[in-house]
Protein backbone atom coordinates (compact mmCIF):
# COMPACT_ATOMS: atom_id res chain seq x y z
CA UNK A 1 61.22 -175.42 -4.38
CA UNK A 2 58.60 -173.40 -2.78
CA UNK A 3 59.68 -171.19 0.35
CA UNK A 4 56.23 -171.79 2.07
CA UNK A 5 56.69 -173.07 5.44
CA UNK A 6 55.32 -176.48 6.40
CA UNK A 7 52.39 -176.86 8.87
CA UNK A 8 54.88 -179.08 11.06
CA UNK A 9 58.43 -178.39 11.33
CA UNK A 10 61.32 -180.12 13.33
CA UNK A 11 63.64 -177.31 14.59
CA UNK A 12 66.45 -176.82 17.07
CA UNK A 13 65.56 -174.84 20.30
CA UNK A 14 67.47 -173.86 23.64
CA UNK A 15 70.73 -175.74 24.05
CA UNK A 16 70.03 -177.55 20.51
CA UNK A 17 67.12 -179.39 22.24
CA UNK A 18 64.64 -180.66 19.42
CA UNK A 19 61.34 -179.01 19.13
CA UNK A 20 58.10 -179.27 16.86
CA UNK A 21 56.68 -176.11 15.20
CA UNK A 22 52.99 -176.19 14.39
CA UNK A 23 51.94 -173.66 12.15
CA UNK A 24 48.15 -172.78 11.41
CA UNK A 25 47.10 -171.17 7.79
CA UNK A 26 46.02 -167.96 9.34
CA UNK A 27 49.53 -167.39 10.88
CA UNK A 28 49.13 -168.80 14.18
CA UNK A 29 51.77 -171.03 15.90
CA UNK A 30 52.82 -173.18 18.52
CA UNK A 31 56.29 -174.69 19.63
CA UNK A 32 56.64 -177.96 21.65
CA UNK A 33 59.87 -179.00 22.77
CA UNK A 34 60.22 -183.08 22.71
CA UNK A 35 62.17 -183.18 25.85
CA UNK A 36 59.49 -183.22 28.58
CA UNK A 37 56.62 -182.04 26.01
CA UNK A 38 56.74 -178.62 26.99
CA UNK A 39 54.68 -176.09 25.10
CA UNK A 40 57.11 -172.99 25.21
CA UNK A 41 55.19 -170.54 22.58
CA UNK A 42 51.84 -170.19 21.33
CA UNK A 43 51.37 -167.04 19.10
CA UNK A 44 48.31 -165.50 17.43
CA UNK A 45 48.03 -164.69 13.56
CA UNK A 46 49.87 -161.27 14.37
CA UNK A 47 52.66 -162.89 15.69
CA UNK A 48 51.92 -161.96 19.51
CA UNK A 49 53.14 -164.43 22.09
CA UNK A 50 50.23 -165.63 24.31
CA UNK A 51 52.39 -167.59 26.65
CA UNK A 52 54.87 -166.43 29.34
CA UNK A 53 58.08 -168.64 29.81
CA UNK A 54 60.85 -167.80 32.28
CA UNK A 55 63.97 -166.99 30.60
CA UNK A 56 65.57 -169.27 33.28
CA UNK A 57 63.28 -172.29 33.29
CA UNK A 58 61.69 -175.47 31.70
CA UNK A 59 60.17 -177.63 34.41
CA UNK A 60 57.94 -180.71 34.28
CA UNK A 61 57.01 -183.60 36.61
CA UNK A 62 57.82 -186.71 38.23
CA UNK A 63 56.17 -189.90 39.53
CA UNK A 64 57.62 -192.27 41.63
CA UNK A 65 56.02 -195.30 39.81
CA UNK A 66 55.99 -196.97 36.73
CA UNK A 67 53.82 -195.13 34.28
CA UNK A 68 52.92 -194.44 30.45
CA UNK A 69 52.26 -190.81 29.91
CA UNK A 70 51.22 -189.31 26.50
CA UNK A 71 50.50 -185.68 25.42
CA UNK A 72 48.71 -184.72 22.26
CA UNK A 73 49.38 -180.93 21.21
CA UNK A 74 46.87 -179.49 18.34
CA UNK A 75 46.51 -176.12 16.85
CA UNK A 76 43.41 -175.56 15.87
CA UNK A 77 41.39 -173.56 12.99
CA UNK A 78 41.93 -170.04 14.03
CA UNK A 79 45.02 -170.85 16.59
CA UNK A 80 43.26 -172.53 19.27
CA UNK A 81 45.83 -174.66 21.39
CA UNK A 82 44.50 -177.91 22.66
CA UNK A 83 46.30 -180.21 25.39
CA UNK A 84 45.22 -183.65 25.65
CA UNK A 85 46.80 -186.02 28.28
CA UNK A 86 46.60 -189.77 29.66
CA UNK A 87 48.44 -191.62 31.86
CA UNK A 88 48.31 -195.35 32.74
CA UNK A 89 49.45 -197.41 35.46
CA UNK A 90 52.11 -199.72 34.47
CA UNK A 91 53.41 -201.25 37.50
CA UNK A 92 53.85 -205.03 37.46
CA UNK A 93 53.72 -205.46 41.26
CA UNK A 94 49.97 -204.85 41.31
CA UNK A 95 50.38 -201.64 43.42
CA UNK A 96 48.33 -198.62 42.65
CA UNK A 97 49.72 -195.04 42.55
CA UNK A 98 47.89 -191.66 43.72
CA UNK A 99 49.17 -188.46 42.19
CA UNK A 100 47.81 -184.76 41.60
CA UNK A 101 48.18 -182.96 38.27
CA UNK A 102 47.91 -179.43 36.89
CA UNK A 103 48.75 -178.08 33.41
CA UNK A 104 51.24 -175.10 34.21
CA UNK A 105 49.98 -172.68 32.04
CA UNK A 106 51.68 -169.29 32.28
CA UNK A 107 49.93 -166.52 30.34
CA UNK A 108 51.47 -163.40 29.05
CA UNK A 109 49.11 -160.61 30.42
CA UNK A 110 49.06 -157.05 31.57
CA UNK A 111 46.00 -156.97 33.96
CA UNK A 112 44.34 -160.05 35.47
CA UNK A 113 40.83 -161.15 36.43
CA UNK A 114 39.29 -164.33 36.95
CA UNK A 115 35.61 -166.07 38.16
CA UNK A 116 34.41 -166.52 41.71
CA UNK A 117 34.98 -169.50 43.74
CA UNK A 118 35.74 -171.05 47.02
CA UNK A 119 39.50 -171.45 47.21
CA UNK A 120 42.41 -172.89 49.17
CA UNK A 121 45.26 -170.27 49.90
CA UNK A 122 48.49 -171.96 49.88
CA UNK A 123 50.15 -169.01 51.61
CA UNK A 124 48.21 -169.49 54.65
CA UNK A 125 48.42 -173.29 55.33
CA UNK A 126 45.53 -174.12 52.51
CA UNK A 127 42.88 -172.26 54.87
CA UNK A 128 39.67 -172.20 52.80
CA UNK A 129 38.08 -168.94 51.83
CA UNK A 130 35.29 -167.72 49.40
CA UNK A 131 36.07 -165.16 46.85
CA UNK A 132 33.37 -162.21 46.95
CA UNK A 133 32.62 -160.10 44.10
CA UNK A 134 32.26 -160.84 40.26
CA UNK A 135 35.96 -161.11 39.43
CA UNK A 136 39.56 -161.44 40.86
CA UNK A 137 41.89 -158.76 41.14
CA UNK A 138 45.33 -158.71 43.01
CA UNK A 139 48.18 -156.50 43.94
CA UNK A 140 50.30 -159.04 45.81
CA UNK A 141 51.63 -162.62 45.78
CA UNK A 142 48.83 -165.35 45.27
CA UNK A 143 48.90 -169.01 45.14
CA UNK A 144 45.22 -170.01 45.40
CA UNK A 145 43.59 -173.61 44.50
CA UNK A 146 39.93 -172.88 43.32
CA UNK A 147 37.94 -175.98 44.13
CA UNK A 148 35.37 -177.69 41.79
CA UNK A 149 36.10 -174.73 39.16
CA UNK A 150 33.79 -174.21 36.09
CA UNK A 151 35.02 -176.13 32.76
CA UNK A 152 35.11 -172.71 30.91
CA UNK A 153 37.40 -169.62 32.82
CA UNK A 154 38.10 -166.23 31.51
CA UNK A 155 41.18 -163.99 31.95
CA UNK A 156 40.56 -160.39 30.77
CA UNK A 157 43.72 -158.67 29.80
CA UNK A 158 42.32 -154.95 29.50
CA UNK A 159 45.83 -153.30 28.29
CA UNK A 160 46.33 -155.71 25.46
CA UNK A 161 42.47 -155.82 24.80
CA UNK A 162 42.38 -159.58 24.66
CA UNK A 163 40.61 -162.29 26.37
CA UNK A 164 41.88 -165.82 27.11
CA UNK A 165 39.13 -168.45 27.39
CA UNK A 166 40.04 -171.89 29.09
CA UNK A 167 37.91 -174.91 28.60
CA UNK A 168 38.72 -177.99 30.57
CA UNK A 169 37.69 -181.71 30.99
CA UNK A 170 38.61 -184.12 33.72
CA UNK A 171 40.18 -181.37 35.48
CA UNK A 172 37.81 -180.37 38.44
CA UNK A 173 39.89 -177.37 39.87
CA UNK A 174 42.06 -174.51 39.10
CA UNK A 175 45.19 -172.91 40.39
CA UNK A 176 46.10 -168.88 40.21
CA UNK A 177 49.66 -168.02 40.94
CA UNK A 178 51.70 -165.01 40.86
CA UNK A 179 54.84 -164.63 42.91
CA UNK A 180 54.72 -160.84 42.92
CA UNK A 181 58.01 -158.63 43.58
CA UNK A 182 59.48 -160.37 46.75
CA UNK A 183 59.07 -163.91 45.86
CA UNK A 184 60.06 -163.26 42.43
CA UNK A 185 63.45 -162.01 43.36
CA UNK A 186 63.85 -165.05 45.78
CA UNK A 187 63.19 -167.75 42.94
CA UNK A 188 66.57 -168.29 41.22
CA UNK A 189 64.57 -169.66 38.12
CA UNK A 190 62.41 -166.57 37.63
CA UNK A 191 63.37 -163.24 36.57
CA UNK A 192 62.85 -160.36 39.15
CA UNK A 193 60.61 -158.19 37.16
CA UNK A 194 58.98 -161.16 35.10
CA UNK A 195 55.99 -161.44 37.69
CA UNK A 196 54.71 -158.10 35.91
CA UNK A 197 53.75 -159.72 32.87
CA UNK A 198 52.54 -163.33 33.65
CA UNK A 199 49.72 -165.08 35.29
CA UNK A 200 49.64 -168.81 35.84
CA UNK A 201 46.43 -170.34 35.67
CA UNK A 202 46.48 -174.22 36.05
CA UNK A 203 43.64 -176.44 35.26
CA UNK A 204 44.22 -179.35 37.88
CA UNK A 205 43.16 -182.09 39.75
CA UNK A 206 44.43 -181.43 43.56
CA UNK A 207 41.79 -181.54 46.14
CA UNK A 208 40.90 -185.12 45.15
CA UNK A 209 44.15 -186.85 44.07
CA UNK A 210 43.82 -189.53 41.21
CA UNK A 211 44.46 -193.20 42.03
CA UNK A 212 45.15 -195.52 39.30
CA UNK A 213 45.21 -199.28 39.81
CA UNK A 214 47.74 -201.43 37.31
CA UNK A 215 46.63 -201.12 33.85
CA UNK A 216 43.75 -198.07 34.76
CA UNK A 217 44.38 -195.07 32.40
CA UNK A 218 43.03 -191.52 33.40
CA UNK A 219 42.58 -188.86 30.46
CA UNK A 220 41.98 -185.12 30.76
CA UNK A 221 42.19 -181.85 28.32
CA UNK A 222 42.24 -178.27 28.11
CA UNK A 223 41.57 -175.89 25.32
CA UNK A 224 42.93 -172.38 25.23
CA UNK A 225 41.45 -169.55 23.06
CA UNK A 226 42.64 -166.06 22.83
CA UNK A 227 39.58 -163.92 21.96
CA UNK A 228 39.95 -160.01 20.68
CA UNK A 229 37.38 -157.84 22.14
CA UNK A 230 35.79 -157.29 18.48
CA UNK A 231 34.87 -160.67 18.43
CA UNK A 232 32.20 -159.93 21.28
CA UNK A 233 31.03 -156.48 20.47
CA UNK A 234 34.32 -154.69 21.62
CA UNK A 235 33.38 -155.55 25.43
CA UNK A 236 35.68 -157.35 27.69
CA UNK A 237 32.86 -159.19 29.56
CA UNK A 238 33.83 -162.67 30.72
CA UNK A 239 30.40 -164.46 30.14
CA UNK A 240 30.05 -163.02 26.95
CA UNK A 241 33.48 -164.25 25.83
CA UNK A 242 32.99 -167.60 27.16
CA UNK A 243 29.79 -167.97 24.92
CA UNK A 244 31.67 -166.67 21.93
CA UNK A 245 34.54 -169.14 22.76
CA UNK A 246 32.17 -171.95 22.22
CA UNK A 247 31.28 -170.99 19.02
CA UNK A 248 34.68 -170.10 17.64
CA UNK A 249 36.51 -173.28 19.06
CA UNK A 250 36.95 -175.60 16.08
CA UNK A 251 40.03 -178.09 16.70
CA UNK A 252 41.97 -179.71 14.07
CA UNK A 253 45.27 -181.92 14.41
CA UNK A 254 48.18 -180.53 12.32
């Protein structure tokens, strides 16, 4: 019997929960828990973890309504990770329901920068601000909702010499979150020092909640690509990286 690992494997994860492991021919992988559809790992061909997951937490969502939710996870050629979701209102009483949504994508990073937009600051009663400059950097707690964010977003990780390219469809907004030191220590489900090595960038629909009538369906997706600097001539330039990512994103379903 061949010892070669199959591209799709059913395994046991934390607390014996079932998970699916996806593998791409070049060595990239992803792990998806069947409980809640949590994607808890995304590794490149070198085995480097690209996602951050707190050692204390798995969390999801709740709708106070009757609905059908489906999540499709695909590992593309070259290791790109695609999440495609759809939700259908299954109420039989004729009532619509309204909700906001965000992919809670926590990236494993060392330094953090992102594009420039108007945003709502959740730490200041959702007061609206305009970010100045070509990129965002921060050294304190942040919880910002960027409105009408571009369909492509770049996160530059200088120390790891890696850039994350995020492509989104059907999700107009983006959330940027990091608890920093005081908030991290106050969170029961977050390690005291874990804030140093993560950045949460959530593609989202928040400013204008989605309303579905019975039988109506809404679809949305995001695609993640980890681009090494050598792919773009050794330069950690967000615009060039996003242009390169457009060429390198070739999705297949395993």
